[in-house]
Amino acid sequence: MREHRAAKETKAIESLGNLKPGEDFVSSLQEVISACNLFQVRKLLLSESLSEKGFVCRQHHYLSLDEGSCPFDRTNLLPVENVIDEMVEMARMHGVNVVLIEQRDDLLTKYGHIAAVLYPG
């Protein structure tokens, strides 16, 4: 089972090599958050160990690494212990294919432990 999982993760991460960075996919936490906020993400790959404090507006599904207000209604963003958990929850609500990388995190390192495949266009 472990080998099967590792092979599946390897295939998912290696598939990013066939895509154009910035156009077909983004990596780094800030870029992925920006794509999530614009509802552009169709597939999310992230390390299970990734954790970062951040801020959220749950009503409008808006994420941020910085304190501030929601751009949709100007309410203060709520602090959260792990913005990644919020991202995964929101992604699943919007039908995003979430791939949690447990075995092959080493392959995801060059992407900042997170990447998002975008909708065309």
Protein backbone atom coordinates (compact mmCIF):
# COMPACT_ATOMS: atom_id res chain seq x y z
CA MET A 1 0.00 0.00 0.00
CA ARG A 2 2.82 2.37 0.92
CA GLU A 3 4.61 1.74 -2.40
CA HIS A 4 1.39 2.32 -4.33
CA ARG A 5 0.84 5.62 -2.53
CA ALA A 6 4.43 6.73 -3.19
CA ALA A 7 4.09 5.85 -6.90
CA LYS A 8 0.83 7.79 -7.16
CA GLU A 9 2.38 10.83 -5.49
CA THR A 10 5.45 10.64 -7.72
CA LYS A 11 3.28 10.57 -10.84
CA ALA A 12 1.20 13.56 -9.65
CA ILE A 13 4.27 15.67 -8.89
CA GLU A 14 6.13 14.69 -12.05
CA SER A 15 3.09 15.69 -14.13
CA LEU A 16 3.86 19.31 -13.19
CA GLY A 17 6.97 19.06 -15.38
CA ASN A 18 4.73 18.92 -18.46
CA LEU A 19 3.04 22.21 -17.56
CA LYS A 20 4.07 25.84 -18.00
CA PRO A 21 4.87 27.56 -14.68
CA GLY A 22 2.75 30.65 -14.09
CA GLU A 23 0.40 29.73 -16.90
CA ASP A 24 -0.73 26.14 -16.27
CA PHE A 25 0.30 25.90 -12.64
CA VAL A 26 1.66 27.98 -9.77
CA SER A 27 3.81 27.07 -6.81
CA SER A 28 4.78 28.72 -3.54
CA LEU A 29 2.27 29.36 -0.83
CA GLN A 30 1.60 32.99 -1.77
CA GLU A 31 0.96 32.18 -5.46
CA VAL A 32 -1.31 29.26 -4.61
CA ILE A 33 -3.30 31.41 -2.17
CA SER A 34 -3.70 34.06 -4.87
CA ALA A 35 -4.97 31.44 -7.34
CA CYS A 36 -7.35 30.02 -4.72
CA ASN A 37 -8.75 33.48 -4.02
CA LEU A 38 -9.55 33.82 -7.75
CA PHE A 39 -11.10 30.30 -7.87
CA GLN A 40 -8.60 29.28 -10.59
CA VAL A 41 -7.40 26.03 -8.99
CA ARG A 42 -8.50 22.66 -10.32
CA LYS A 43 -5.86 20.50 -8.63
CA LEU A 44 -3.95 21.20 -5.43
CA LEU A 45 -0.81 19.28 -4.45
CA LEU A 46 0.59 19.91 -0.99
CA SER A 47 2.83 18.40 1.61
CA GLU A 48 1.03 16.96 4.61
CA SER A 49 3.58 18.70 6.85
CA LEU A 50 2.96 22.18 5.42
CA SER A 51 1.68 24.58 8.06
CA GLU A 52 1.48 28.37 8.18
CA LYS A 53 -0.41 30.86 10.30
CA GLY A 54 -2.68 33.11 8.30
CA PHE A 55 -6.02 34.85 7.99
CA VAL A 56 -9.34 33.96 6.45
CA CYS A 57 -12.79 35.23 5.56
CA ARG A 58 -14.91 32.08 5.69
CA GLN A 59 -17.98 33.78 4.27
CA HIS A 60 -16.23 34.70 1.00
CA HIS A 61 -13.61 31.91 0.98
CA TYR A 62 -10.74 34.38 1.02
CA LEU A 63 -7.28 33.45 2.34
CA SER A 64 -4.30 35.60 3.29
CA LEU A 65 -0.93 35.33 4.95
CA ASP A 66 -1.28 38.94 6.10
CA GLU A 67 -3.66 40.57 8.53
CA GLY A 68 -6.20 42.84 6.91
CA SER A 69 -9.75 42.96 5.68
CA CYS A 70 -11.75 40.91 3.21
CA PRO A 71 -11.76 42.67 -0.19
CA PHE A 72 -15.39 41.64 -0.72
CA ASP A 73 -17.04 43.13 2.37
CA ARG A 74 -14.20 44.89 4.25
CA THR A 75 -14.68 42.81 7.42
CA ASN A 76 -11.53 41.97 9.37
CA LEU A 77 -9.93 38.68 8.39
CA LEU A 78 -9.94 36.08 11.15
CA PRO A 79 -6.59 34.71 12.34
CA VAL A 80 -6.10 30.95 11.93
CA GLU A 81 -3.38 28.65 13.22
CA ASN A 82 -3.00 26.91 9.87
CA VAL A 83 -4.16 28.61 6.67
CA ILE A 84 -3.36 25.35 4.83
CA ASP A 85 -6.19 23.56 6.64
CA GLU A 86 -8.55 26.35 5.57
CA MET A 87 -7.28 26.14 1.99
CA VAL A 88 -7.87 22.39 1.81
CA GLU A 89 -11.35 22.71 3.27
CA MET A 90 -12.31 25.47 0.83
CA ALA A 91 -10.73 23.62 -2.10
CA ARG A 92 -12.76 20.51 -1.36
CA MET A 93 -15.96 22.60 -1.08
CA HIS A 94 -15.28 23.91 -4.60
CA GLY A 95 -14.56 20.53 -6.14
CA VAL A 96 -10.80 20.92 -6.39
CA ASN A 97 -8.84 17.67 -6.66
CA VAL A 98 -6.67 17.74 -3.51
CA VAL A 99 -3.56 15.53 -3.48
CA LEU A 100 -1.96 15.33 -0.06
CA ILE A 101 1.69 14.35 -0.44
CA GLU A 102 2.83 12.10 2.40
CA GLN A 103 5.51 9.79 0.98
CA ARG A 104 7.30 11.85 -1.70
CA ASP A 105 7.53 15.32 -0.18
CA ASP A 106 11.13 15.42 -1.39
CA LEU A 107 9.84 15.82 -4.97
CA LEU A 108 7.60 18.72 -3.96
CA THR A 109 10.42 20.67 -2.28
CA LYS A 110 11.37 22.57 -5.45
CA TYR A 111 7.79 23.90 -5.60
CA GLY A 112 7.80 25.19 -2.01
CA HIS A 113 5.91 22.07 -0.83
CA ILE A 114 2.76 23.24 -2.61
CA ALA A 115 1.52 23.62 -6.19
CA ALA A 116 -1.79 24.30 -7.88
CA VAL A 117 -2.81 23.28 -11.40
CA LEU A 118 -4.98 26.02 -12.88
CA TYR A 119 -8.03 25.99 -15.09
CA PRO A 120 -7.15 26.87 -18.68
CA GLY A 121 -7.29 30.37 -19.63
